[in-house]
Amino acid sequence: MKRGKGLKEKIKASKTLYRGRLINLRLDEVELPRGTMALREVVEHPGAVVILPLLGPRKLVLVQQYREAVGEVLLELPAGTLQPGESAIDCALRELKEETGYLAKKIRRMFSCYLAPGYSSEIIHAFLARELSVGEASPEADECLRMIPLTINRALLMIRQNKIRDAKTIATILWFFKLSR
């Protein structure tokens, strides 16, 4: 059997409920494969990047920032939203410089994944940045960040202890240090 065959839903009606700077909210009425109708709330997102900046073979850089949506200060890898017409790699280089000041001589895509496909179209592209040179950070006006260098062992321990709780950060660190070798 073909993967996913017979599972696709058909959009019968769609209405944008909200248009914002970062996201849109859409309500779709869909017909399920068995013929019944259902409503789907969809957050439309342009996509994003996350960057794993390696300072050396066993050291990486994270950023600490307050996240209003969860009401907590989180420890995360540098990341950001794609601008219209911007490639994922250009976005990764831009966000790395903006949030940390680092410039990457080498950067490569590792993987892409959906963060919350039950309600959001957001796809995030994970990059590995190496051979970093120090520059000056220039966070956006609405960002307050603190750089936190960590050894990989410390980062893995913090994931295990639930001290790093950001999904994109956890996925990227574990993918690189557990699956890419």
Protein backbone atom coordinates (compact mmCIF):
# COMPACT_ATOMS: atom_id res chain seq x y z
CA MET A 1 0.00 0.00 0.00
CA LYS A 2 1.23 3.47 -0.87
CA ARG A 3 2.31 5.50 2.18
CA GLY A 4 -0.60 7.62 3.43
CA LYS A 5 -2.98 6.48 0.69
CA GLY A 6 -6.60 7.06 1.65
CA LEU A 7 -5.78 9.39 4.55
CA LYS A 8 -5.82 12.80 2.86
CA GLU A 9 -8.52 15.26 3.88
CA LYS A 10 -10.26 17.53 1.33
CA ILE A 11 -10.65 21.22 2.18
CA LYS A 12 -14.25 22.23 1.50
CA ALA A 13 -14.07 25.77 2.91
CA SER A 14 -11.31 27.95 4.36
CA LYS A 15 -11.44 31.26 6.21
CA THR A 16 -8.58 33.41 7.55
CA LEU A 17 -9.52 34.52 11.07
CA TYR A 18 -6.38 36.53 11.85
CA ARG A 19 -3.42 37.97 9.94
CA GLY A 20 -0.37 38.92 11.97
CA ARG A 21 3.25 39.95 11.53
CA LEU A 22 4.51 36.41 12.24
CA ILE A 23 1.51 34.09 11.83
CA ASN A 24 -1.96 33.80 10.35
CA LEU A 25 -4.82 31.75 11.80
CA ARG A 26 -7.03 29.87 9.39
CA LEU A 27 -10.16 27.77 9.96
CA ASP A 28 -10.68 24.97 7.44
CA GLU A 29 -13.73 22.79 7.02
CA VAL A 30 -12.50 19.43 5.75
CA GLU A 31 -14.04 16.23 4.51
CA LEU A 32 -12.43 13.18 6.07
CA PRO A 33 -11.74 10.08 3.94
CA ARG A 34 -14.79 8.35 5.45
CA GLY A 35 -17.03 11.23 4.28
CA THR A 36 -17.65 13.04 7.59
CA MET A 37 -16.85 16.72 8.07
CA ALA A 38 -14.47 18.27 10.62
CA LEU A 39 -12.99 21.67 11.46
CA ARG A 40 -9.23 22.29 11.47
CA GLU A 41 -7.61 25.33 13.10
CA VAL A 42 -4.33 26.02 11.28
CA VAL A 43 -1.57 28.39 12.29
CA GLU A 44 0.16 29.45 9.07
CA HIS A 45 3.87 30.08 9.66
CA PRO A 46 6.54 30.97 7.05
CA GLY A 47 9.07 28.48 8.43
CA ALA A 48 12.14 28.89 10.58
CA VAL A 49 15.71 27.80 11.18
CA VAL A 50 17.66 26.58 14.19
CA ILE A 51 21.45 26.64 14.28
CA LEU A 52 23.85 24.44 16.26
CA PRO A 53 26.98 26.62 16.54
CA LEU A 54 30.04 24.54 17.46
CA LEU A 55 32.86 26.40 19.16
CA GLY A 56 34.97 23.25 19.02
CA PRO A 57 34.48 19.50 18.90
CA ARG A 58 32.79 19.37 22.33
CA LYS A 59 31.44 22.91 22.90
CA LEU A 60 28.38 24.73 21.59
CA VAL A 61 26.59 28.04 22.09
CA LEU A 62 23.02 28.49 23.30
CA VAL A 63 21.02 31.62 24.00
CA GLN A 64 18.87 32.32 27.01
CA GLN A 65 15.72 34.39 26.60
CA TYR A 66 12.32 35.00 28.12
CA ARG A 67 9.43 33.47 26.17
CA GLU A 68 6.13 35.21 26.87
CA ALA A 69 4.01 32.35 25.45
CA VAL A 70 5.21 30.01 28.24
CA GLY A 71 6.13 32.64 30.83
CA GLU A 72 9.65 31.28 31.30
CA VAL A 73 13.28 31.99 30.52
CA LEU A 74 14.40 29.20 28.18
CA LEU A 75 17.78 27.97 27.04
CA GLU A 76 17.73 27.50 23.24
CA LEU A 77 19.91 27.22 20.21
CA PRO A 78 19.93 30.37 18.07
CA ALA A 79 16.91 30.36 15.77
CA GLY A 80 14.64 32.58 13.77
CA THR A 81 11.88 32.98 11.22
CA LEU A 82 12.37 33.00 7.47
CA GLN A 83 11.79 36.36 5.80
CA PRO A 84 9.81 36.49 2.52
CA GLY A 85 12.01 35.19 -0.31
CA GLU A 86 14.88 34.29 2.04
CA SER A 87 16.56 30.89 1.72
CA ALA A 88 16.89 28.75 4.83
CA ILE A 89 20.70 28.89 4.73
CA ASP A 90 20.71 32.70 4.42
CA CYS A 91 18.28 32.89 7.33
CA ALA A 92 20.54 30.61 9.41
CA LEU A 93 23.60 32.76 8.73
CA ARG A 94 21.63 35.95 9.51
CA GLU A 95 20.13 34.62 12.75
CA LEU A 96 23.46 33.22 13.96
CA LYS A 97 25.09 36.64 13.53
CA GLU A 98 22.13 38.59 14.96
CA GLU A 99 21.76 36.44 18.08
CA THR A 100 25.38 35.51 18.86
CA GLY A 101 27.63 37.72 16.76
CA TYR A 102 29.32 34.63 15.32
CA LEU A 103 30.04 34.27 11.62
CA ALA A 104 30.25 30.71 10.26
CA LYS A 105 32.89 29.78 7.70
CA LYS A 106 31.14 26.39 7.25
CA ILE A 107 27.42 25.73 7.54
CA ARG A 108 25.38 22.73 6.45
CA ARG A 109 21.77 21.62 6.69
CA MET A 110 21.18 18.64 8.98
CA PHE A 111 17.42 17.98 8.82
CA SER A 112 13.99 19.59 8.70
CA CYS A 113 10.97 18.79 10.86
CA TYR A 114 7.50 20.03 11.73
CA LEU A 115 7.19 21.39 15.27
CA ALA A 116 3.44 20.98 15.85
CA PRO A 117 1.78 19.54 12.71
CA GLY A 118 -1.52 19.03 14.52
CA TYR A 119 -2.23 22.76 14.21
CA SER A 120 0.75 24.57 12.63
CA SER A 121 2.37 24.59 9.18
CA GLU A 122 5.73 25.65 10.69
CA ILE A 123 8.68 23.69 9.38
CA ILE A 124 12.08 24.24 10.92
CA HIS A 125 15.38 23.63 9.16
CA ALA A 126 18.30 22.64 11.40
CA PHE A 127 21.83 23.74 10.50
CA LEU A 128 25.29 22.98 11.83
CA ALA A 129 27.67 25.97 11.96
CA ARG A 130 31.43 25.42 12.28
CA GLU A 131 34.65 27.39 12.09
CA LEU A 132 33.10 30.37 13.83
CA SER A 133 34.66 33.79 14.05
CA VAL A 134 33.63 36.37 16.60
CA GLY A 135 31.62 39.35 15.46
CA GLU A 136 29.13 41.65 17.11
CA ALA A 137 25.62 40.45 17.97
CA SER A 138 22.74 42.62 16.77
CA PRO A 139 19.51 41.19 18.17
CA GLU A 140 16.21 42.56 16.92
CA ALA A 141 14.62 45.38 18.93
CA ASP A 142 12.18 42.97 20.63
CA GLU A 143 14.85 40.42 21.65
CA CYS A 144 16.81 40.29 24.90
CA LEU A 145 19.33 37.44 24.71
CA ARG A 146 22.22 36.13 26.75
CA MET A 147 24.79 33.80 25.14
CA ILE A 148 25.57 30.64 27.08
CA PRO A 149 28.52 28.48 25.94
CA LEU A 150 28.24 24.87 27.13
CA THR A 151 30.11 21.64 26.68
CA ILE A 152 28.11 19.00 24.86
CA ASN A 153 28.15 16.79 27.97
CA ARG A 154 26.61 19.62 30.02
CA ALA A 155 23.96 20.26 27.35
CA LEU A 156 23.05 16.56 27.19
CA LEU A 157 22.82 16.43 31.00
CA MET A 158 20.59 19.52 31.00
CA ILE A 159 18.29 17.84 28.45
CA ARG A 160 18.15 14.71 30.64
CA GLN A 161 17.39 16.88 33.72
CA ASN A 162 14.63 18.76 31.82
CA LYS A 163 16.54 22.04 32.17
CA ILE A 164 16.61 22.46 28.39
CA ARG A 165 12.94 22.23 27.40
CA ASP A 166 12.78 23.78 23.95
CA ALA A 167 11.81 21.12 21.38
CA LYS A 168 13.87 22.46 18.45
CA THR A 169 16.95 22.67 20.67
CA ILE A 170 16.51 19.17 22.07
CA ALA A 171 15.86 17.65 18.63
CA THR A 172 18.83 19.40 17.02
CA ILE A 173 21.34 18.55 19.76
CA LEU A 174 20.23 14.92 20.00
CA TRP A 175 20.12 14.49 16.21
CA PHE A 176 23.66 15.80 15.80
CA PHE A 177 25.33 14.13 18.75
CA LYS A 178 23.41 10.84 18.68
CA LEU A 179 22.44 10.24 15.03
CA SER A 180 24.92 12.01 12.76
CA ARG A 181 27.93 9.92 13.68
